[in-house]
Amino acid sequence: MGFTALNIFWLVPAFTLTMQEMVTLNVSPQITAEDGKPVSLQCNVSSKSPDKLQIKYMEWSQNQTKTTLCSVDSEGEMTTDKSSTMSDFRCEYNNNQLSLIFQKVEPMEIGSYRCKLRSNQGATHVYSRLELDECCVIAEGHLTSLGPGCTFKHVYPDGEVHWFRGSHRVSDEPLEHLTTKSVEEGGWLTISSYLDRKSSDVLYNCSLKSTKSGRYIASALVHNPNARFLGARGHASPLLYNSEVAAVRTVLYISVLLAFTVK
């Protein structure tokens, strides 16, 4: 009796391992989404005996919250739960592939997602990480009662504001600047900075440096009360008088060099 029980004890894990190897899930370990563009997390089922495979249950869930976003039962019926996320998403199921499709990705949705499977050939799960490319949608420069100011909106990830006068970084001079940050809906950042300089007859460049890559991802120019600068997705668009065009081109040229040389 003792010999029989011992043999059964060793056979159980061996049988489980064999079942797990019969069916596998395939996903991309990491996918990076661009701001405002759709992205798809795909989970494919592979089997050594596909003709005999019967999927009983399959799902995509947020790993951080353990919340199921969508699932498919043995009849192929889809269930979707959008109550736990701010993003607009949908799920599609076809030929043993369950896809989680985001129309756009918010910073709050960044993280690990789990694809889970139960079948007649075993149960398994895998993880795919969703990232968001760095971005800044709006860059504005203006004059305030404190001095030159700039605001960066719809920012991801966090960033540092650096002030330049021509090719010289203002932080190297005895001038103070104040930077504030706030988190908006969806996890986007709004970053504002003000330079303690009352004079308005100097052209300043306010640049946002990503803490993720160390690159400058947006910039704005500040000169006088009649000049405001609005840039889309990190590209500053100066509105200056014709006499100032040469100075603007010089600063923009320096900004491009900084994007490639400053780490």
C-alpha atoms as a PDB file:
ATOM      1  CA  MET A   1       0.000   0.000   0.000  1.00  0.00           C
ATOM      2  CA  GLY A   2       2.820   2.411   0.825  1.00  0.00           C
ATOM      3  CA  PHE A   3       4.517   1.724  -2.525  1.00  0.00           C
ATOM      4  CA  THR A   4       1.300   2.374  -4.460  1.00  0.00           C
ATOM      5  CA  ALA A   5       0.593   5.664  -2.680  1.00  0.00           C
ATOM      6  CA  LEU A   6       4.155   6.854  -3.307  1.00  0.00           C
ATOM      7  CA  ASN A   7       3.872   6.164  -7.028  1.00  0.00           C
ATOM      8  CA  ILE A   8       0.561   8.046  -7.240  1.00  0.00           C
ATOM      9  CA  PHE A   9       2.141  11.005  -5.407  1.00  0.00           C
ATOM     10  CA  TRP A  10       4.843  11.306  -8.087  1.00  0.00           C
ATOM     11  CA  LEU A  11       2.461  10.743 -11.028  1.00  0.00           C
ATOM     12  CA  VAL A  12       0.179  13.700 -10.179  1.00  0.00           C
ATOM     13  CA  PRO A  13       2.664  16.545 -10.815  1.00  0.00           C
ATOM     14  CA  ALA A  14       3.986  14.759 -13.905  1.00  0.00           C
ATOM     15  CA  PHE A  15       0.445  14.579 -15.360  1.00  0.00           C
ATOM     16  CA  THR A  16      -0.209  18.255 -14.546  1.00  0.00           C
ATOM     17  CA  LEU A  17       2.979  19.360 -16.265  1.00  0.00           C
ATOM     18  CA  THR A  18       2.032  17.391 -19.397  1.00  0.00           C
ATOM     19  CA  MET A  19      -1.417  19.043 -19.535  1.00  0.00           C
ATOM     20  CA  GLN A  20       0.077  22.544 -19.192  1.00  0.00           C
ATOM     21  CA  GLU A  21       2.488  21.888 -22.048  1.00  0.00           C
ATOM     22  CA  MET A  22      -0.344  20.863 -24.394  1.00  0.00           C
ATOM     23  CA  VAL A  23      -1.824  24.389 -24.545  1.00  0.00           C
ATOM     24  CA  THR A  24      -0.047  27.754 -24.464  1.00  0.00           C
ATOM     25  CA  LEU A  25      -0.921  31.446 -24.732  1.00  0.00           C
ATOM     26  CA  ASN A  26       1.032  33.875 -26.885  1.00  0.00           C
ATOM     27  CA  VAL A  27       1.119  37.655 -26.314  1.00  0.00           C
ATOM     28  CA  SER A  28       3.525  40.520 -26.897  1.00  0.00           C
ATOM     29  CA  PRO A  29       5.442  41.108 -23.638  1.00  0.00           C
ATOM     30  CA  GLN A  30       5.125  44.895 -24.051  1.00  0.00           C
ATOM     31  CA  ILE A  31       3.206  47.224 -26.357  1.00  0.00           C
ATOM     32  CA  THR A  32       3.699  51.000 -26.487  1.00  0.00           C
ATOM     33  CA  ALA A  33       0.723  53.100 -27.544  1.00  0.00           C
ATOM     34  CA  GLU A  34       0.894  56.502 -29.206  1.00  0.00           C
ATOM     35  CA  ASP A  35      -1.232  59.301 -27.794  1.00  0.00           C
ATOM     36  CA  GLY A  36      -4.699  59.373 -29.340  1.00  0.00           C
ATOM     37  CA  LYS A  37      -4.170  56.249 -31.475  1.00  0.00           C
ATOM     38  CA  PRO A  38      -5.755  52.790 -31.037  1.00  0.00           C
ATOM     39  CA  VAL A  39      -3.745  49.852 -29.751  1.00  0.00           C
ATOM     40  CA  SER A  40      -4.549  46.147 -29.514  1.00  0.00           C
ATOM     41  CA  LEU A  41      -3.430  43.508 -27.001  1.00  0.00           C
ATOM     42  CA  GLN A  42      -3.797  40.114 -28.675  1.00  0.00           C
ATOM     43  CA  CYS A  43      -3.841  36.745 -26.910  1.00  0.00           C
ATOM     44  CA  ASN A  44      -3.540  33.650 -29.104  1.00  0.00           C
ATOM     45  CA  VAL A  45      -4.178  30.063 -28.007  1.00  0.00           C
ATOM     46  CA  SER A  46      -1.817  27.382 -29.334  1.00  0.00           C
ATOM     47  CA  SER A  47      -2.333  23.663 -28.869  1.00  0.00           C
ATOM     48  CA  LYS A  48      -0.423  20.513 -29.775  1.00  0.00           C
ATOM     49  CA  SER A  49      -3.818  18.919 -30.490  1.00  0.00           C
ATOM     50  CA  PRO A  50      -5.876  21.791 -31.951  1.00  0.00           C
ATOM     51  CA  ASP A  51      -8.609  19.481 -33.283  1.00  0.00           C
ATOM     52  CA  LYS A  52      -9.331  18.277 -29.756  1.00  0.00           C
ATOM     53  CA  LEU A  53      -9.056  21.672 -28.044  1.00  0.00           C
ATOM     54  CA  GLN A  54     -12.158  22.952 -26.249  1.00  0.00           C
ATOM     55  CA  ILE A  55     -11.899  26.437 -24.726  1.00  0.00           C
ATOM     56  CA  LYS A  56     -14.042  26.671 -21.601  1.00  0.00           C
ATOM     57  CA  TYR A  57     -13.155  30.207 -20.517  1.00  0.00           C
ATOM     58  CA  MET A  58     -10.833  33.008 -21.648  1.00  0.00           C
ATOM     59  CA  GLU A  59     -10.379  36.565 -20.351  1.00  0.00           C
ATOM     60  CA  TRP A  60      -8.401  39.805 -20.355  1.00  0.00           C
ATOM     61  CA  SER A  61      -8.021  41.523 -16.982  1.00  0.00           C
ATOM     62  CA  GLN A  62      -6.099  44.387 -15.387  1.00  0.00           C
ATOM     63  CA  ASN A  63      -3.376  42.792 -13.322  1.00  0.00           C
ATOM     64  CA  GLN A  64      -3.166  45.668 -10.812  1.00  0.00           C
ATOM     65  CA  THR A  65      -6.859  45.640  -9.895  1.00  0.00           C
ATOM     66  CA  LYS A  66      -7.611  42.001 -10.821  1.00  0.00           C
ATOM     67  CA  THR A  67     -10.653  43.369 -12.661  1.00  0.00           C
ATOM     68  CA  THR A  68     -11.930  41.390 -15.633  1.00  0.00           C
ATOM     69  CA  LEU A  69     -12.398  43.618 -18.667  1.00  0.00           C
ATOM     70  CA  CYS A  70     -13.814  41.022 -21.041  1.00  0.00           C
ATOM     71  CA  SER A  71     -14.293  37.261 -21.161  1.00  0.00           C
ATOM     72  CA  VAL A  72     -15.512  34.481 -23.447  1.00  0.00           C
ATOM     73  CA  ASP A  73     -17.292  31.310 -22.298  1.00  0.00           C
ATOM     74  CA  SER A  74     -17.412  27.838 -23.846  1.00  0.00           C
ATOM     75  CA  GLU A  75     -20.214  28.942 -26.200  1.00  0.00           C
ATOM     76  CA  GLY A  76     -18.178  31.864 -27.508  1.00  0.00           C
ATOM     77  CA  GLU A  77     -20.388  34.421 -25.747  1.00  0.00           C
ATOM     78  CA  MET A  78     -18.582  37.668 -24.936  1.00  0.00           C
ATOM     79  CA  THR A  79     -18.971  39.604 -21.669  1.00  0.00           C
ATOM     80  CA  THR A  80     -17.468  43.096 -21.319  1.00  0.00           C
ATOM     81  CA  ASP A  81     -17.128  45.263 -18.188  1.00  0.00           C
ATOM     82  CA  LYS A  82     -16.255  48.938 -18.791  1.00  0.00           C
ATOM     83  CA  SER A  83     -17.077  50.159 -15.294  1.00  0.00           C
ATOM     84  CA  SER A  84     -13.474  49.984 -14.033  1.00  0.00           C
ATOM     85  CA  THR A  85     -11.699  51.993 -16.731  1.00  0.00           C
ATOM     86  CA  MET A  86     -11.962  55.452 -18.283  1.00  0.00           C
ATOM     87  CA  SER A  87     -10.719  54.309 -21.683  1.00  0.00           C
ATOM     88  CA  ASP A  88     -12.917  53.442 -24.605  1.00  0.00           C
ATOM     89  CA  PHE A  89     -12.172  49.787 -25.402  1.00  0.00           C
ATOM     90  CA  ARG A  90     -13.745  46.750 -26.979  1.00  0.00           C
ATOM     91  CA  CYS A  91     -12.919  43.050 -27.239  1.00  0.00           C
ATOM     92  CA  GLU A  92     -12.983  40.733 -30.237  1.00  0.00           C
ATOM     93  CA  TYR A  93     -12.808  36.935 -30.336  1.00  0.00           C
ATOM     94  CA  ASN A  94     -12.008  34.933 -33.449  1.00  0.00           C
ATOM     95  CA  ASN A  95     -10.154  31.676 -34.185  1.00  0.00           C
ATOM     96  CA  ASN A  96      -8.961  31.174 -30.595  1.00  0.00           C
ATOM     97  CA  GLN A  97      -7.686  34.739 -30.350  1.00  0.00           C
ATOM     98  CA  LEU A  98      -9.003  37.225 -27.807  1.00  0.00           C
ATOM     99  CA  SER A  99      -8.108  40.857 -28.562  1.00  0.00           C
ATOM    100  CA  LEU A 100      -8.378  43.787 -26.149  1.00  0.00           C
ATOM    101  CA  ILE A 101      -8.549  46.977 -28.233  1.00  0.00           C
ATOM    102  CA  PHE A 102      -8.191  50.475 -26.772  1.00  0.00           C
ATOM    103  CA  GLN A 103      -9.364  53.376 -28.939  1.00  0.00           C
ATOM    104  CA  LYS A 104      -6.933  55.574 -27.003  1.00  0.00           C
ATOM    105  CA  VAL A 105      -4.826  54.983 -23.917  1.00  0.00           C
ATOM    106  CA  GLU A 106      -4.895  57.164 -20.799  1.00  0.00           C
ATOM    107  CA  PRO A 107      -1.958  57.224 -18.347  1.00  0.00           C
ATOM    108  CA  MET A 108      -4.255  55.599 -15.770  1.00  0.00           C
ATOM    109  CA  GLU A 109      -4.478  52.486 -18.019  1.00  0.00           C
ATOM    110  CA  ILE A 110      -0.723  51.940 -18.193  1.00  0.00           C
ATOM    111  CA  GLY A 111       0.392  48.717 -16.559  1.00  0.00           C
ATOM    112  CA  SER A 112       0.234  44.941 -16.754  1.00  0.00           C
ATOM    113  CA  TYR A 113      -2.680  43.025 -18.291  1.00  0.00           C
ATOM    114  CA  ARG A 114      -3.344  39.317 -17.875  1.00  0.00           C
ATOM    115  CA  CYS A 115      -4.741  36.867 -20.418  1.00  0.00           C
ATOM    116  CA  LYS A 116      -6.188  33.776 -18.761  1.00  0.00           C
ATOM    117  CA  LEU A 117      -7.355  30.457 -20.249  1.00  0.00           C
ATOM    118  CA  ARG A 118      -9.212  27.369 -19.063  1.00  0.00           C
ATOM    119  CA  SER A 119      -9.635  24.464 -21.485  1.00  0.00           C
ATOM    120  CA  ASN A 120      -9.956  20.694 -21.678  1.00  0.00           C
ATOM    121  CA  GLN A 121      -6.203  20.599 -22.274  1.00  0.00           C
ATOM    122  CA  GLY A 122      -5.248  22.641 -19.238  1.00  0.00           C
ATOM    123  CA  ALA A 123      -5.281  26.137 -17.727  1.00  0.00           C
ATOM    124  CA  THR A 124      -2.665  28.862 -18.060  1.00  0.00           C
ATOM    125  CA  HIS A 125      -2.150  32.629 -18.084  1.00  0.00           C
ATOM    126  CA  VAL A 126       0.337  35.178 -19.446  1.00  0.00           C
ATOM    127  CA  TYR A 127       1.002  38.907 -19.015  1.00  0.00           C
ATOM    128  CA  SER A 128       1.387  41.788 -21.451  1.00  0.00           C
ATOM    129  CA  ARG A 129       2.475  45.279 -20.402  1.00  0.00           C
ATOM    130  CA  LEU A 130       0.866  48.365 -21.903  1.00  0.00           C
ATOM    131  CA  GLU A 131       2.989  51.526 -22.082  1.00  0.00           C
ATOM    132  CA  LEU A 132       2.325  55.021 -23.434  1.00  0.00           C
ATOM    133  CA  ASP A 133       4.764  56.992 -25.540  1.00  0.00           C
ATOM    134  CA  GLU A 134       5.891  60.314 -24.062  1.00  0.00           C
ATOM    135  CA  CYS A 135       3.947  63.308 -25.307  1.00  0.00           C
ATOM    136  CA  CYS A 136       2.872  66.897 -24.747  1.00  0.00           C
ATOM    137  CA  VAL A 137      -0.159  68.091 -26.706  1.00  0.00           C
ATOM    138  CA  ILE A 138      -0.104  71.826 -25.902  1.00  0.00           C
ATOM    139  CA  ALA A 139       2.804  74.174 -25.122  1.00  0.00           C
ATOM    140  CA  GLU A 140       1.950  77.808 -24.313  1.00  0.00           C
ATOM    141  CA  GLY A 141       4.192  80.758 -23.527  1.00  0.00           C
ATOM    142  CA  HIS A 142       2.973  84.010 -21.958  1.00  0.00           C
ATOM    143  CA  LEU A 143       3.897  86.917 -19.706  1.00  0.00           C
ATOM    144  CA  THR A 144       2.547  87.086 -16.153  1.00  0.00           C
ATOM    145  CA  SER A 145       2.822  89.488 -13.222  1.00  0.00           C
ATOM    146  CA  LEU A 146       5.748  87.360 -12.035  1.00  0.00           C
ATOM    147  CA  GLY A 147       7.519  87.453 -15.385  1.00  0.00           C
ATOM    148  CA  PRO A 148       7.758  85.029 -18.344  1.00  0.00           C
ATOM    149  CA  GLY A 149       5.626  81.931 -17.947  1.00  0.00           C
ATOM    150  CA  CYS A 150       4.820  78.733 -19.818  1.00  0.00           C
ATOM    151  CA  THR A 151       2.296  75.924 -19.500  1.00  0.00           C
ATOM    152  CA  PHE A 152       2.470  72.381 -20.849  1.00  0.00           C
ATOM    153  CA  LYS A 153      -0.791  70.438 -21.053  1.00  0.00           C
ATOM    154  CA  HIS A 154      -1.693  66.789 -21.667  1.00  0.00           C
ATOM    155  CA  VAL A 155       1.789  65.681 -20.595  1.00  0.00           C
ATOM    156  CA  TYR A 156       3.103  62.133 -20.097  1.00  0.00           C
ATOM    157  CA  PRO A 157       5.272  61.151 -18.304  1.00  0.00           C
ATOM    158  CA  ASP A 158       6.543  63.687 -15.765  1.00  0.00           C
ATOM    159  CA  GLY A 159       8.967  66.354 -16.934  1.00  0.00           C
ATOM    160  CA  GLU A 160      11.348  69.083 -15.843  1.00  0.00           C
ATOM    161  CA  VAL A 161      11.052  72.666 -17.102  1.00  0.00           C
ATOM    162  CA  HIS A 162      14.263  74.315 -18.258  1.00  0.00           C
ATOM    163  CA  TRP A 163      14.493  77.991 -19.199  1.00  0.00           C
ATOM    164  CA  PHE A 164      16.880  79.270 -21.876  1.00  0.00           C
ATOM    165  CA  ARG A 165      17.885  82.747 -23.019  1.00  0.00           C
ATOM    166  CA  GLY A 166      19.376  82.233 -26.435  1.00  0.00           C
ATOM    167  CA  SER A 167      21.661  79.214 -26.107  1.00  0.00           C
ATOM    168  CA  HIS A 168      22.307  79.801 -22.388  1.00  0.00           C
ATOM    169  CA  ARG A 169      20.314  77.958 -19.776  1.00  0.00           C
ATOM    170  CA  VAL A 170      18.777  80.413 -17.321  1.00  0.00           C
ATOM    171  CA  SER A 171      19.125  77.964 -14.430  1.00  0.00           C
ATOM    172  CA  ASP A 172      22.854  78.621 -14.599  1.00  0.00           C
ATOM    173  CA  GLU A 173      22.157  82.270 -13.726  1.00  0.00           C
ATOM    174  CA  PRO A 174      20.945  83.772 -10.404  1.00  0.00           C
ATOM    175  CA  LEU A 175      17.258  83.779 -11.459  1.00  0.00           C
ATOM    176  CA  GLU A 176      14.543  81.916  -9.582  1.00  0.00           C
ATOM    177  CA  HIS A 177      11.712  80.059 -11.255  1.00  0.00           C
ATOM    178  CA  LEU A 178       8.592  78.428  -9.844  1.00  0.00           C
ATOM    179  CA  THR A 179       7.145  75.214 -11.291  1.00  0.00           C
ATOM    180  CA  THR A 180       3.764  73.706 -10.402  1.00  0.00           C
ATOM    181  CA  LYS A 181       2.211  70.415 -11.480  1.00  0.00           C
ATOM    182  CA  SER A 182      -1.340  69.076 -11.370  1.00  0.00           C
ATOM    183  CA  VAL A 183      -2.908  65.764 -12.385  1.00  0.00           C
ATOM    184  CA  GLU A 184      -5.884  66.019 -14.727  1.00  0.00           C
ATOM    185  CA  GLU A 185      -8.577  63.527 -15.707  1.00  0.00           C
ATOM    186  CA  GLY A 186      -7.124  60.280 -16.994  1.00  0.00           C
ATOM    187  CA  GLY A 187      -3.785  60.847 -15.279  1.00  0.00           C
ATOM    188  CA  TRP A 188      -2.452  63.521 -17.638  1.00  0.00           C
ATOM    189  CA  LEU A 189      -0.170  66.201 -16.185  1.00  0.00           C
ATOM    190  CA  THR A 190      -0.372  69.969 -16.534  1.00  0.00           C
ATOM    191  CA  ILE A 191       2.986  71.623 -15.815  1.00  0.00           C
ATOM    192  CA  SER A 192       3.387  75.398 -15.400  1.00  0.00           C
ATOM    193  CA  SER A 193       6.574  77.382 -14.795  1.00  0.00           C
ATOM    194  CA  TYR A 194       7.255  81.070 -14.094  1.00  0.00           C
ATOM    195  CA  LEU A 195      10.562  82.893 -14.298  1.00  0.00           C
ATOM    196  CA  ASP A 196      11.277  85.649 -11.739  1.00  0.00           C
ATOM    197  CA  ARG A 197      12.192  88.224 -14.330  1.00  0.00           C
ATOM    198  CA  LYS A 198      10.053  91.343 -14.829  1.00  0.00           C
ATOM    199  CA  SER A 199      11.821  92.527 -18.004  1.00  0.00           C
ATOM    200  CA  SER A 200       9.954  91.589 -21.194  1.00  0.00           C
ATOM    201  CA  ASP A 201      12.516  92.721 -23.781  1.00  0.00           C
ATOM    202  CA  VAL A 202      14.352  89.396 -23.826  1.00  0.00           C
ATOM    203  CA  LEU A 203      13.346  86.324 -25.830  1.00  0.00           C
ATOM    204  CA  TYR A 204      13.090  83.235 -23.605  1.00  0.00           C
ATOM    205  CA  ASN A 205      12.736  79.566 -24.486  1.00  0.00           C
ATOM    206  CA  CYS A 206      10.816  77.376 -22.036  1.00  0.00           C
ATOM    207  CA  SER A 207      11.473  73.665 -22.681  1.00  0.00           C
ATOM    208  CA  LEU A 208      10.040  70.492 -21.143  1.00  0.00           C
ATOM    209  CA  LYS A 209      12.464  67.628 -20.566  1.00  0.00           C
ATOM    210  CA  SER A 210      11.003  64.131 -20.151  1.00  0.00           C
ATOM    211  CA  THR A 211      12.082  62.308 -16.988  1.00  0.00           C
ATOM    212  CA  LYS A 212      11.697  59.026 -18.883  1.00  0.00           C
ATOM    213  CA  SER A 213      13.998  59.507 -21.867  1.00  0.00           C
ATOM    214  CA  GLY A 214      15.852  62.700 -20.946  1.00  0.00           C
ATOM    215  CA  ARG A 215      14.756  64.295 -24.240  1.00  0.00           C
ATOM    216  CA  TYR A 216      13.111  67.680 -24.705  1.00  0.00           C
ATOM    217  CA  ILE A 217       9.588  66.900 -25.889  1.00  0.00           C
ATOM    218  CA  ALA A 218       8.056  70.405 -26.059  1.00  0.00           C
ATOM    219  CA  SER A 219       9.012  74.070 -26.011  1.00  0.00           C
ATOM    220  CA  ALA A 220       7.445  77.543 -26.005  1.00  0.00           C
ATOM    221  CA  LEU A 221       8.781  81.030 -26.656  1.00  0.00           C
ATOM    222  CA  VAL A 222       8.061  84.092 -24.501  1.00  0.00           C
ATOM    223  CA  HIS A 223       8.898  87.693 -25.468  1.00  0.00           C
ATOM    224  CA  ASN A 224       6.254  90.417 -24.990  1.00  0.00           C
ATOM    225  CA  PRO A 225       2.555  90.871 -24.059  1.00  0.00           C
ATOM    226  CA  ASN A 226       1.490  90.729 -27.709  1.00  0.00           C
ATOM    227  CA  ALA A 227       3.264  87.438 -28.400  1.00  0.00           C
ATOM    228  CA  ARG A 228       1.608  84.168 -27.450  1.00  0.00           C
ATOM    229  CA  PHE A 229       2.769  80.776 -28.531  1.00  0.00           C
ATOM    230  CA  LEU A 230       0.630  77.690 -28.983  1.00  0.00           C
ATOM    231  CA  GLY A 231       2.065  74.379 -30.095  1.00  0.00           C
ATOM    232  CA  ALA A 232       0.288  71.143 -30.958  1.00  0.00           C
ATOM    233  CA  ARG A 233       1.776  67.905 -29.640  1.00  0.00           C
ATOM    234  CA  GLY A 234       5.008  69.487 -28.485  1.00  0.00           C
ATOM    235  CA  HIS A 235       5.724  71.751 -31.493  1.00  0.00           C
ATOM    236  CA  ALA A 236       5.812  75.429 -30.604  1.00  0.00           C
ATOM    237  CA  SER A 237       4.138  77.830 -33.081  1.00  0.00           C
ATOM    238  CA  PRO A 238       5.441  81.385 -32.428  1.00  0.00           C
ATOM    239  CA  LEU A 239       3.254  84.388 -33.258  1.00  0.00           C
ATOM    240  CA  LEU A 240       5.745  87.202 -33.534  1.00  0.00           C
ATOM    241  CA  TYR A 241       6.156  90.420 -35.506  1.00  0.00           C
ATOM    242  CA  ASN A 242       8.260  90.274 -38.683  1.00  0.00           C
ATOM    243  CA  SER A 243      11.157  92.052 -36.991  1.00  0.00           C
ATOM    244  CA  GLU A 244      11.470  89.137 -34.562  1.00  0.00           C
ATOM    245  CA  VAL A 245      11.495  86.285 -37.096  1.00  0.00           C
ATOM    246  CA  ALA A 246      15.280  86.008 -37.163  1.00  0.00           C
ATOM    247  CA  ALA A 247      15.484  85.702 -33.374  1.00  0.00           C
ATOM    248  CA  VAL A 248      12.771  83.062 -33.359  1.00  0.00           C
ATOM    249  CA  ARG A 249      14.560  80.968 -35.966  1.00  0.00           C
ATOM    250  CA  THR A 250      17.729  81.083 -33.902  1.00  0.00           C
ATOM    251  CA  VAL A 251      15.973  79.833 -30.766  1.00  0.00           C
ATOM    252  CA  LEU A 252      14.142  77.103 -32.657  1.00  0.00           C
ATOM    253  CA  TYR A 253      17.436  75.953 -34.158  1.00  0.00           C
ATOM    254  CA  ILE A 254      18.968  75.752 -30.696  1.00  0.00           C
ATOM    255  CA  SER A 255      15.940  73.836 -29.435  1.00  0.00           C
ATOM    256  CA  VAL A 256      16.371  71.208 -32.165  1.00  0.00           C
ATOM    257  CA  LEU A 257      20.028  70.815 -31.239  1.00  0.00           C
ATOM    258  CA  LEU A 258      19.111  70.387 -27.585  1.00  0.00           C
ATOM    259  CA  ALA A 259      16.663  67.621 -28.467  1.00  0.00           C
ATOM    260  CA  PHE A 260      19.498  65.551 -29.904  1.00  0.00           C
ATOM    261  CA  THR A 261      22.425  66.529 -27.703  1.00  0.00           C
ATOM    262  CA  VAL A 262      21.113  67.048 -24.157  1.00  0.00           C
ATOM    263  CA  LYS A 263      20.697  63.818 -22.226  1.00  0.00           C
END
